[in-house]
Amino acid sequence: MKRIYDWDAKFQHRNYTAADLLACKGKTILTQTTANSSEEAAAARDAGLDLIMGNAINTAAVRQGAPDMFFTAAIPLPDYPTETDVLKAAFAAMKDGADSVYTARGPHIVEILAKEEIPVMCHLGLVPRRSTWNGGLRAIGRDADEAMTLLQKFRDMENAGAFSVEAEVIMAEVMTEISKRTSLLTSSLGSGSGGDIIYLFQNDICGEQPESPRHAQAFGNIYALQEEIKKERRRALKAFHDAAKSGAFPTAKTTPHMQAEAHEAFLERLAKL
C-alpha cells in the first residue's frame, strides 16, 4: 500500500498510484471492473481486483466500500455538456476520493483536465454513444486504414495529456500493436489480451442480465438468483395472504397476550365505563 495525500487534504492508502500504474505498462497485467455502490466496491476489493471505475456521482459510496483501491470516476458524456461542467464534476469527484477521472470527450476536454494534473482516462475504439459514426455497434480496426486512424487518435490523446485509455471493442491484433506503441495505459474492454488492463463491467462478470454482450463473459449467475428472489417474494406474499384469510395467521407465537390478572383488571375497568 502507498500512502498518498488526496484532494481533500487527507492522508490515504492506495494499492496503486498513477505512477505505479504507468510503471506496470508492458510488465504486469492488471484487472479492472465497475463499482457504483459500497457493496460493489467492497466485492471487487474482497475478490482481489486491482482497479475499479464508476460514475463520478457515486465516488463517496465507492470509497466507503473500497477505501484503498485506485478508483476512476467517470464523468458521463451527456450529463456535463460544457467545459466548466466537466471541470466542476472532476474536482468534486477528486475531492470525494477519486484517483483519476474518465471522459469520453475529445482531446480538448482531456487537455483541460490534464492541465490541472488530474490523471485522465480517455475512451477510444468503440464509444457506444458515438456509434452512429461507425455505422452501428461494431469492432473498430477492421482494416489497415481504420487501424491507422485509430493509432492517430491514441497519439492525439497522448498529446492532450491522458495517462490511460478505455480501449473498447478494438480488433485484438490492432489493440496489441497499438498498446506497444502508446504511452497510454490501455484498459482492454472486449479488445483481447493485448492491453495493459483486462476490464469488464461488474454486471457482466456477475451475470446480472439474461445474456452477456458479445465482448463479455459471465463468471456468475446473479440473474438466476434474482429471478428466484422474485418468485420467492411472490410465493411468500401469497402464503401470507392465504394464511391471514384462513385464520392461520397470526399465530399464538406471533401474538402478544396479557397476563391473566392484568386482563381481568382491564375487563373490570371496561365494565365500569
C-alpha atoms as a PDB file:
ATOM      1  CA  MET A   1       0.000   0.000   0.000  1.00  0.00           C
ATOM      2  CA  LYS A   2       1.134   3.506  -0.834  1.00  0.00           C
ATOM      3  CA  ARG A   3       0.358   6.499   1.360  1.00  0.00           C
ATOM      4  CA  ILE A   4      -0.988   9.493  -0.519  1.00  0.00           C
ATOM      5  CA  TYR A   5      -2.417  12.924   0.170  1.00  0.00           C
ATOM      6  CA  ASP A   6      -5.815  13.201  -1.514  1.00  0.00           C
ATOM      7  CA  TRP A   7      -7.550  16.249  -2.975  1.00  0.00           C
ATOM      8  CA  ASP A   8      -9.476  16.708   0.262  1.00  0.00           C
ATOM      9  CA  ALA A   9      -6.176  17.210   2.101  1.00  0.00           C
ATOM     10  CA  LYS A  10      -6.319  13.845   3.877  1.00  0.00           C
ATOM     11  CA  PHE A  11      -3.764  11.079   4.124  1.00  0.00           C
ATOM     12  CA  GLN A  12      -4.990   7.875   2.479  1.00  0.00           C
ATOM     13  CA  HIS A  13      -3.693   4.469   1.445  1.00  0.00           C
ATOM     14  CA  ARG A  14      -3.902   3.173  -2.139  1.00  0.00           C
ATOM     15  CA  ASN A  15      -2.999  -0.128  -3.725  1.00  0.00           C
ATOM     16  CA  TYR A  16      -1.695   1.800  -6.750  1.00  0.00           C
ATOM     17  CA  THR A  17      -0.804   5.359  -7.600  1.00  0.00           C
ATOM     18  CA  ALA A  18      -0.891   6.778 -11.129  1.00  0.00           C
ATOM     19  CA  ALA A  19       2.895   6.477 -11.216  1.00  0.00           C
ATOM     20  CA  ASP A  20       2.697   2.821 -10.151  1.00  0.00           C
ATOM     21  CA  LEU A  21       0.230   2.052 -12.923  1.00  0.00           C
ATOM     22  CA  LEU A  22       2.377   3.633 -15.595  1.00  0.00           C
ATOM     23  CA  ALA A  23       5.360   1.647 -14.295  1.00  0.00           C
ATOM     24  CA  CYS A  24       3.313  -1.548 -14.779  1.00  0.00           C
ATOM     25  CA  LYS A  25       2.814  -0.886 -18.509  1.00  0.00           C
ATOM     26  CA  GLY A  26       4.048  -3.781 -20.576  1.00  0.00           C
ATOM     27  CA  LYS A  27       5.128  -5.681 -17.461  1.00  0.00           C
ATOM     28  CA  THR A  28       2.061  -6.618 -15.409  1.00  0.00           C
ATOM     29  CA  ILE A  29      -1.499  -7.379 -16.486  1.00  0.00           C
ATOM     30  CA  LEU A  30      -3.995  -5.660 -14.204  1.00  0.00           C
ATOM     31  CA  THR A  31      -7.720  -6.233 -13.726  1.00  0.00           C
ATOM     32  CA  GLN A  32     -10.487  -3.653 -13.612  1.00  0.00           C
ATOM     33  CA  THR A  33     -14.228  -3.669 -13.068  1.00  0.00           C
ATOM     34  CA  THR A  34     -17.019  -1.223 -12.360  1.00  0.00           C
ATOM     35  CA  ALA A  35     -18.322  -0.267  -8.922  1.00  0.00           C
ATOM     36  CA  ASN A  36     -21.163   2.145  -8.271  1.00  0.00           C
ATOM     37  CA  SER A  37     -22.088   1.290  -4.703  1.00  0.00           C
ATOM     38  CA  SER A  38     -20.367   0.472  -1.462  1.00  0.00           C
ATOM     39  CA  GLU A  39     -21.273  -3.206  -1.857  1.00  0.00           C
ATOM     40  CA  GLU A  40     -19.960  -3.459  -5.428  1.00  0.00           C
ATOM     41  CA  ALA A  41     -16.739  -1.732  -4.408  1.00  0.00           C
ATOM     42  CA  ALA A  42     -16.270  -3.993  -1.380  1.00  0.00           C
ATOM     43  CA  ALA A  43     -16.928  -7.067  -3.512  1.00  0.00           C
ATOM     44  CA  ALA A  44     -14.263  -6.026  -6.017  1.00  0.00           C
ATOM     45  CA  ARG A  45     -11.805  -5.349  -3.203  1.00  0.00           C
ATOM     46  CA  ASP A  46     -12.526  -8.647  -1.466  1.00  0.00           C
ATOM     47  CA  ALA A  47     -12.089 -10.503  -4.766  1.00  0.00           C
ATOM     48  CA  GLY A  48      -8.630  -9.000  -5.187  1.00  0.00           C
ATOM     49  CA  LEU A  49      -9.184  -6.920  -8.316  1.00  0.00           C
ATOM     50  CA  ASP A  50      -6.662  -4.184  -8.990  1.00  0.00           C
ATOM     51  CA  LEU A  51      -8.754  -1.241 -10.183  1.00  0.00           C
ATOM     52  CA  ILE A  52     -12.348  -0.012 -10.081  1.00  0.00           C
ATOM     53  CA  MET A  53     -14.262   2.537 -12.095  1.00  0.00           C
ATOM     54  CA  GLY A  54     -17.718   4.053 -11.679  1.00  0.00           C
ATOM     55  CA  ASN A  55     -19.928   7.091 -12.105  1.00  0.00           C
ATOM     56  CA  ALA A  56     -18.433  10.189 -10.520  1.00  0.00           C
ATOM     57  CA  ILE A  57     -21.611  10.848  -8.519  1.00  0.00           C
ATOM     58  CA  ASN A  58     -21.035   7.555  -6.684  1.00  0.00           C
ATOM     59  CA  THR A  59     -17.455   8.309  -5.609  1.00  0.00           C
ATOM     60  CA  ALA A  60     -18.200   8.765  -1.911  1.00  0.00           C
ATOM     61  CA  ALA A  61     -20.172   5.497  -1.729  1.00  0.00           C
ATOM     62  CA  VAL A  62     -17.469   3.607  -3.598  1.00  0.00           C
ATOM     63  CA  ARG A  63     -14.841   4.936  -1.204  1.00  0.00           C
ATOM     64  CA  GLN A  64     -16.803   3.513   1.729  1.00  0.00           C
ATOM     65  CA  GLY A  65     -16.629   0.037   0.220  1.00  0.00           C
ATOM     66  CA  ALA A  66     -13.086   0.184  -1.111  1.00  0.00           C
ATOM     67  CA  PRO A  67     -11.161   2.903   0.709  1.00  0.00           C
ATOM     68  CA  ASP A  68      -7.768   1.901  -0.673  1.00  0.00           C
ATOM     69  CA  MET A  69      -8.391   0.838  -4.293  1.00  0.00           C
ATOM     70  CA  PHE A  70      -7.413   3.032  -7.239  1.00  0.00           C
ATOM     71  CA  PHE A  71     -10.754   4.436  -8.400  1.00  0.00           C
ATOM     72  CA  THR A  72     -11.519   6.173 -11.689  1.00  0.00           C
ATOM     73  CA  ALA A  73     -14.563   8.448 -11.592  1.00  0.00           C
ATOM     74  CA  ALA A  74     -16.465   8.584 -14.880  1.00  0.00           C
ATOM     75  CA  ILE A  75     -17.978  11.891 -15.975  1.00  0.00           C
ATOM     76  CA  PRO A  76     -20.870  10.812 -18.248  1.00  0.00           C
ATOM     77  CA  LEU A  77     -20.754  12.417 -21.679  1.00  0.00           C
ATOM     78  CA  PRO A  78     -24.325  13.849 -21.875  1.00  0.00           C
ATOM     79  CA  ASP A  79     -24.632  14.986 -18.265  1.00  0.00           C
ATOM     80  CA  TYR A  80     -21.858  17.589 -18.229  1.00  0.00           C
ATOM     81  CA  PRO A  81     -22.013  19.397 -21.579  1.00  0.00           C
ATOM     82  CA  THR A  82     -19.778  22.416 -21.019  1.00  0.00           C
ATOM     83  CA  GLU A  83     -16.100  22.608 -20.177  1.00  0.00           C
ATOM     84  CA  THR A  84     -16.976  24.252 -16.870  1.00  0.00           C
ATOM     85  CA  ASP A  85     -19.434  21.435 -16.059  1.00  0.00           C
ATOM     86  CA  VAL A  86     -16.767  18.812 -16.694  1.00  0.00           C
ATOM     87  CA  LEU A  87     -14.141  20.585 -14.627  1.00  0.00           C
ATOM     88  CA  LYS A  88     -16.527  21.071 -11.680  1.00  0.00           C
ATOM     89  CA  ALA A  89     -17.540  17.400 -11.794  1.00  0.00           C
ATOM     90  CA  ALA A  90     -13.907  16.315 -11.931  1.00  0.00           C
ATOM     91  CA  PHE A  91     -12.912  18.478  -8.959  1.00  0.00           C
ATOM     92  CA  ALA A  92     -15.892  17.216  -6.947  1.00  0.00           C
ATOM     93  CA  ALA A  93     -15.009  13.582  -7.678  1.00  0.00           C
ATOM     94  CA  MET A  94     -11.358  14.097  -6.760  1.00  0.00           C
ATOM     95  CA  LYS A  95     -12.414  15.796  -3.521  1.00  0.00           C
ATOM     96  CA  ASP A  96     -14.628  12.772  -2.741  1.00  0.00           C
ATOM     97  CA  GLY A  97     -11.664  10.438  -3.150  1.00  0.00           C
ATOM     98  CA  ALA A  98     -11.273   9.578  -6.834  1.00  0.00           C
ATOM     99  CA  ASP A  99      -7.758   8.869  -8.091  1.00  0.00           C
ATOM    100  CA  SER A 100      -8.416   9.630 -11.743  1.00  0.00           C
ATOM    101  CA  VAL A 101     -11.206  10.847 -13.979  1.00  0.00           C
ATOM    102  CA  TYR A 102     -12.649   9.234 -17.101  1.00  0.00           C
ATOM    103  CA  THR A 103     -14.131  11.136 -20.016  1.00  0.00           C
ATOM    104  CA  ALA A 104     -15.410  10.037 -23.411  1.00  0.00           C
ATOM    105  CA  ARG A 105     -14.962  13.588 -24.700  1.00  0.00           C
ATOM    106  CA  GLY A 106     -12.311  14.700 -27.158  1.00  0.00           C
ATOM    107  CA  PRO A 107      -8.695  15.787 -26.695  1.00  0.00           C
ATOM    108  CA  HIS A 108      -9.720  19.366 -25.853  1.00  0.00           C
ATOM    109  CA  ILE A 109     -11.539  18.167 -22.711  1.00  0.00           C
ATOM    110  CA  VAL A 110      -8.705  15.795 -21.804  1.00  0.00           C
ATOM    111  CA  GLU A 111      -6.281  18.704 -22.062  1.00  0.00           C
ATOM    112  CA  ILE A 112      -8.355  20.876 -19.714  1.00  0.00           C
ATOM    113  CA  LEU A 113      -8.359  18.146 -17.065  1.00  0.00           C
ATOM    114  CA  ALA A 114      -4.720  17.200 -17.582  1.00  0.00           C
ATOM    115  CA  LYS A 115      -3.613  20.816 -17.116  1.00  0.00           C
ATOM    116  CA  GLU A 116      -4.984  20.550 -13.583  1.00  0.00           C
ATOM    117  CA  GLU A 117      -2.751  17.473 -13.101  1.00  0.00           C
ATOM    118  CA  ILE A 118      -5.769  15.201 -12.826  1.00  0.00           C
ATOM    119  CA  PRO A 119      -4.918  11.718 -14.133  1.00  0.00           C
ATOM    120  CA  VAL A 120      -7.268  11.349 -17.103  1.00  0.00           C
ATOM    121  CA  MET A 121      -8.598   8.175 -18.705  1.00  0.00           C
ATOM    122  CA  CYS A 122      -9.937   8.751 -22.203  1.00  0.00           C
ATOM    123  CA  HIS A 123     -12.064   6.435 -24.358  1.00  0.00           C
ATOM    124  CA  LEU A 124     -11.131   5.134 -27.808  1.00  0.00           C
ATOM    125  CA  GLY A 125     -12.270   2.366 -30.110  1.00  0.00           C
ATOM    126  CA  LEU A 126     -15.989   1.750 -29.905  1.00  0.00           C
ATOM    127  CA  VAL A 127     -17.526   4.644 -27.993  1.00  0.00           C
ATOM    128  CA  PRO A 128     -21.147   3.417 -27.868  1.00  0.00           C
ATOM    129  CA  ARG A 129     -22.753   6.860 -27.668  1.00  0.00           C
ATOM    130  CA  ARG A 130     -20.952   7.788 -30.883  1.00  0.00           C
ATOM    131  CA  SER A 131     -21.587   4.507 -32.674  1.00  0.00           C
ATOM    132  CA  THR A 132     -23.613   6.228 -35.391  1.00  0.00           C
ATOM    133  CA  TRP A 133     -20.319   7.416 -36.917  1.00  0.00           C
ATOM    134  CA  ASN A 134     -19.154   3.792 -37.164  1.00  0.00           C
ATOM    135  CA  GLY A 135     -22.335   2.526 -38.767  1.00  0.00           C
ATOM    136  CA  GLY A 136     -23.527   0.992 -35.516  1.00  0.00           C
ATOM    137  CA  LEU A 137     -22.112  -1.077 -32.680  1.00  0.00           C
ATOM    138  CA  ARG A 138     -19.134  -2.914 -34.143  1.00  0.00           C
ATOM    139  CA  ALA A 139     -15.469  -3.593 -33.562  1.00  0.00           C
ATOM    140  CA  ILE A 140     -13.005  -0.909 -34.576  1.00  0.00           C
ATOM    141  CA  GLY A 141      -9.888  -1.509 -36.665  1.00  0.00           C
ATOM    142  CA  ARG A 142     -11.346  -3.747 -39.352  1.00  0.00           C
ATOM    143  CA  ASP A 143      -8.761  -2.758 -41.964  1.00  0.00           C
ATOM    144  CA  ALA A 144      -5.371  -1.061 -42.089  1.00  0.00           C
ATOM    145  CA  ASP A 145      -6.808   2.383 -42.817  1.00  0.00           C
ATOM    146  CA  GLU A 146      -9.149   2.267 -39.840  1.00  0.00           C
ATOM    147  CA  ALA A 147      -6.379   0.876 -37.631  1.00  0.00           C
ATOM    148  CA  MET A 148      -4.006   3.696 -38.608  1.00  0.00           C
ATOM    149  CA  THR A 149      -6.726   6.303 -37.980  1.00  0.00           C
ATOM    150  CA  LEU A 150      -7.224   4.792 -34.539  1.00  0.00           C
ATOM    151  CA  LEU A 151      -3.495   4.920 -33.837  1.00  0.00           C
ATOM    152  CA  GLN A 152      -3.534   8.638 -34.600  1.00  0.00           C
ATOM    153  CA  LYS A 153      -6.388   9.100 -32.128  1.00  0.00           C
ATOM    154  CA  PHE A 154      -4.254   7.427 -29.479  1.00  0.00           C
ATOM    155  CA  ARG A 155      -1.447   9.851 -30.265  1.00  0.00           C
ATOM    156  CA  ASP A 156      -3.832  12.787 -30.091  1.00  0.00           C
ATOM    157  CA  MET A 157      -4.929  11.711 -26.615  1.00  0.00           C
ATOM    158  CA  GLU A 158      -1.306  11.263 -25.538  1.00  0.00           C
ATOM    159  CA  ASN A 159      -0.542  14.790 -26.708  1.00  0.00           C
ATOM    160  CA  ALA A 160      -3.601  16.097 -24.849  1.00  0.00           C
ATOM    161  CA  GLY A 161      -2.230  14.671 -21.604  1.00  0.00           C
ATOM    162  CA  ALA A 162      -4.250  11.489 -20.978  1.00  0.00           C
ATOM    163  CA  PHE A 163      -2.483   8.841 -18.928  1.00  0.00           C
ATOM    164  CA  SER A 164      -4.796   5.905 -19.658  1.00  0.00           C
ATOM    165  CA  VAL A 165      -7.480   4.832 -22.113  1.00  0.00           C
ATOM    166  CA  GLU A 166     -10.542   2.638 -22.096  1.00  0.00           C
ATOM    167  CA  ALA A 167      -9.946   0.739 -25.324  1.00  0.00           C
ATOM    168  CA  GLU A 168     -13.310  -0.748 -26.206  1.00  0.00           C
ATOM    169  CA  VAL A 169     -14.007  -3.464 -28.803  1.00  0.00           C
ATOM    170  CA  ILE A 170     -10.895  -2.947 -30.896  1.00  0.00           C
ATOM    171  CA  MET A 171      -9.658  -5.771 -33.109  1.00  0.00           C
ATOM    172  CA  ALA A 172      -7.270  -7.810 -30.951  1.00  0.00           C
ATOM    173  CA  GLU A 173      -4.345  -7.559 -33.361  1.00  0.00           C
ATOM    174  CA  VAL A 174      -4.755  -3.793 -33.574  1.00  0.00           C
ATOM    175  CA  MET A 175      -5.011  -3.471 -29.800  1.00  0.00           C
ATOM    176  CA  THR A 176      -1.818  -5.462 -29.302  1.00  0.00           C
ATOM    177  CA  GLU A 177       0.217  -3.390 -31.729  1.00  0.00           C
ATOM    178  CA  ILE A 178      -1.129  -0.023 -30.606  1.00  0.00           C
ATOM    179  CA  SER A 179      -0.593  -0.850 -26.937  1.00  0.00           C
ATOM    180  CA  LYS A 180       3.094  -1.445 -27.701  1.00  0.00           C
ATOM    181  CA  ARG A 181       3.324   1.936 -29.394  1.00  0.00           C
ATOM    182  CA  THR A 182       1.455   4.188 -26.970  1.00  0.00           C
ATOM    183  CA  SER A 183       2.440   5.606 -23.607  1.00  0.00           C
ATOM    184  CA  LEU A 184      -1.190   5.331 -22.521  1.00  0.00           C
ATOM    185  CA  LEU A 185      -2.084   2.608 -20.068  1.00  0.00           C
ATOM    186  CA  THR A 186      -4.541   0.572 -22.154  1.00  0.00           C
ATOM    187  CA  SER A 187      -7.627  -0.873 -20.489  1.00  0.00           C
ATOM    188  CA  SER A 188      -8.955  -3.560 -22.820  1.00  0.00           C
ATOM    189  CA  LEU A 189     -12.728  -3.880 -22.806  1.00  0.00           C
ATOM    190  CA  GLY A 190     -13.548  -6.517 -25.405  1.00  0.00           C
ATOM    191  CA  SER A 191     -10.264  -5.846 -27.214  1.00  0.00           C
ATOM    192  CA  GLY A 192      -8.388  -9.033 -26.432  1.00  0.00           C
ATOM    193  CA  SER A 193      -5.444  -9.659 -24.132  1.00  0.00           C
ATOM    194  CA  GLY A 194      -3.018  -7.213 -25.723  1.00  0.00           C
ATOM    195  CA  GLY A 195      -3.772  -4.327 -23.366  1.00  0.00           C
ATOM    196  CA  ASP A 196      -2.272  -3.459 -20.005  1.00  0.00           C
ATOM    197  CA  ILE A 197      -5.547  -3.957 -18.132  1.00  0.00           C
ATOM    198  CA  ILE A 198      -8.309  -6.519 -18.657  1.00  0.00           C
ATOM    199  CA  TYR A 199     -11.595  -4.748 -17.987  1.00  0.00           C
ATOM    200  CA  LEU A 200     -15.189  -5.953 -17.709  1.00  0.00           C
ATOM    201  CA  PHE A 201     -18.283  -4.369 -16.218  1.00  0.00           C
ATOM    202  CA  GLN A 202     -19.242  -5.938 -12.891  1.00  0.00           C
ATOM    203  CA  ASN A 203     -22.784  -6.684 -14.044  1.00  0.00           C
ATOM    204  CA  ASP A 204     -21.355  -8.667 -16.979  1.00  0.00           C
ATOM    205  CA  ILE A 205     -18.853 -10.552 -14.818  1.00  0.00           C
ATOM    206  CA  CYS A 206     -21.540 -11.493 -12.306  1.00  0.00           C
ATOM    207  CA  GLY A 207     -24.174 -12.397 -14.897  1.00  0.00           C
ATOM    208  CA  GLU A 208     -26.791  -9.861 -13.858  1.00  0.00           C
ATOM    209  CA  GLN A 209     -28.713  -9.995 -17.156  1.00  0.00           C
ATOM    210  CA  PRO A 210     -30.106 -12.870 -19.255  1.00  0.00           C
ATOM    211  CA  GLU A 211     -27.364 -12.630 -21.888  1.00  0.00           C
ATOM    212  CA  SER A 212     -23.867 -11.180 -21.941  1.00  0.00           C
ATOM    213  CA  PRO A 213     -22.699  -8.747 -24.627  1.00  0.00           C
ATOM    214  CA  ARG A 214     -20.550 -10.385 -27.275  1.00  0.00           C
ATOM    215  CA  HIS A 215     -17.359  -8.929 -25.827  1.00  0.00           C
ATOM    216  CA  ALA A 216     -18.094 -10.127 -22.276  1.00  0.00           C
ATOM    217  CA  GLN A 217     -18.300 -13.375 -20.340  1.00  0.00           C
ATOM    218  CA  ALA A 218     -20.392 -14.131 -17.278  1.00  0.00           C
ATOM    219  CA  PHE A 219     -18.469 -15.751 -14.436  1.00  0.00           C
ATOM    220  CA  GLY A 220     -21.529 -15.891 -12.194  1.00  0.00           C
ATOM    221  CA  ASN A 221     -25.315 -16.070 -12.460  1.00  0.00           C
ATOM    222  CA  ILE A 222     -26.809 -13.368 -10.282  1.00  0.00           C
ATOM    223  CA  TYR A 223     -29.647 -13.042 -12.797  1.00  0.00           C
ATOM    224  CA  ALA A 224     -30.892 -16.536 -11.951  1.00  0.00           C
ATOM    225  CA  LEU A 225     -30.689 -15.736  -8.241  1.00  0.00           C
ATOM    226  CA  GLN A 226     -32.619 -12.511  -8.774  1.00  0.00           C
ATOM    227  CA  GLU A 227     -35.303 -14.394 -10.685  1.00  0.00           C
ATOM    228  CA  GLU A 228     -35.547 -16.878  -7.825  1.00  0.00           C
ATOM    229  CA  ILE A 229     -35.864 -13.975  -5.375  1.00  0.00           C
ATOM    230  CA  LYS A 230     -38.741 -12.569  -7.448  1.00  0.00           C
ATOM    231  CA  LYS A 231     -40.503 -15.941  -7.377  1.00  0.00           C
ATOM    232  CA  GLU A 232     -39.869 -16.373  -3.663  1.00  0.00           C
ATOM    233  CA  ARG A 233     -41.193 -12.870  -2.926  1.00  0.00           C
ATOM    234  CA  ARG A 234     -44.490 -13.638  -4.692  1.00  0.00           C
ATOM    235  CA  ARG A 235     -44.749 -17.075  -3.083  1.00  0.00           C
ATOM    236  CA  ALA A 236     -44.259 -15.576   0.385  1.00  0.00           C
ATOM    237  CA  LEU A 237     -46.758 -12.768  -0.194  1.00  0.00           C
ATOM    238  CA  LYS A 238     -49.412 -15.217  -1.424  1.00  0.00           C
ATOM    239  CA  ALA A 239     -48.787 -17.526   1.527  1.00  0.00           C
ATOM    240  CA  PHE A 240     -49.254 -14.612   3.916  1.00  0.00           C
ATOM    241  CA  HIS A 241     -52.476 -13.577   2.149  1.00  0.00           C
ATOM    242  CA  ASP A 242     -53.885 -17.095   2.281  1.00  0.00           C
ATOM    243  CA  ALA A 243     -52.918 -17.613   5.932  1.00  0.00           C
ATOM    244  CA  ALA A 244     -54.457 -14.326   7.009  1.00  0.00           C
ATOM    245  CA  LYS A 245     -57.693 -15.068   5.155  1.00  0.00           C
ATOM    246  CA  SER A 246     -57.959 -18.592   6.574  1.00  0.00           C
ATOM    247  CA  GLY A 247     -57.165 -17.596  10.144  1.00  0.00           C
ATOM    248  CA  ALA A 248     -53.869 -19.499  10.205  1.00  0.00           C
ATOM    249  CA  PHE A 249     -52.066 -16.203  10.828  1.00  0.00           C
ATOM    250  CA  PRO A 250     -51.488 -14.502  13.245  1.00  0.00           C
ATOM    251  CA  THR A 251     -50.410 -17.464  15.384  1.00  0.00           C
ATOM    252  CA  ALA A 252     -50.005 -17.765  19.128  1.00  0.00           C
ATOM    253  CA  LYS A 253     -46.238 -17.394  18.642  1.00  0.00           C
ATOM    254  CA  THR A 254     -46.553 -14.061  16.848  1.00  0.00           C
ATOM    255  CA  THR A 255     -49.299 -12.609  19.061  1.00  0.00           C
ATOM    256  CA  PRO A 256     -48.623 -10.975  22.459  1.00  0.00           C
ATOM    257  CA  HIS A 257     -51.059 -11.750  25.309  1.00  0.00           C
ATOM    258  CA  MET A 258     -51.716 -10.056  28.653  1.00  0.00           C
ATOM    259  CA  GLN A 259     -51.160 -11.866  31.909  1.00  0.00           C
ATOM    260  CA  ALA A 260     -54.464 -13.272  33.223  1.00  0.00           C
ATOM    261  CA  GLU A 261     -54.603 -10.873  36.202  1.00  0.00           C
ATOM    262  CA  ALA A 262     -53.894  -7.856  34.028  1.00  0.00           C
ATOM    263  CA  HIS A 263     -56.522  -8.961  31.560  1.00  0.00           C
ATOM    264  CA  GLU A 264     -59.091  -9.399  34.314  1.00  0.00           C
ATOM    265  CA  ALA A 265     -58.330  -5.960  35.745  1.00  0.00           C
ATOM    266  CA  PHE A 266     -58.677  -4.444  32.310  1.00  0.00           C
ATOM    267  CA  LEU A 267     -62.076  -6.058  31.814  1.00  0.00           C
ATOM    268  CA  GLU A 268     -63.235  -4.843  35.204  1.00  0.00           C
ATOM    269  CA  ARG A 269     -62.356  -1.256  34.307  1.00  0.00           C
ATOM    270  CA  LEU A 270     -64.118  -1.569  30.976  1.00  0.00           C
ATOM    271  CA  ALA A 271     -67.251  -2.774  32.772  1.00  0.00           C
ATOM    272  CA  LYS A 272     -67.331   0.428  34.812  1.00  0.00           C
ATOM    273  CA  LEU A 273     -67.402   2.671  31.774  1.00  0.00           C
END
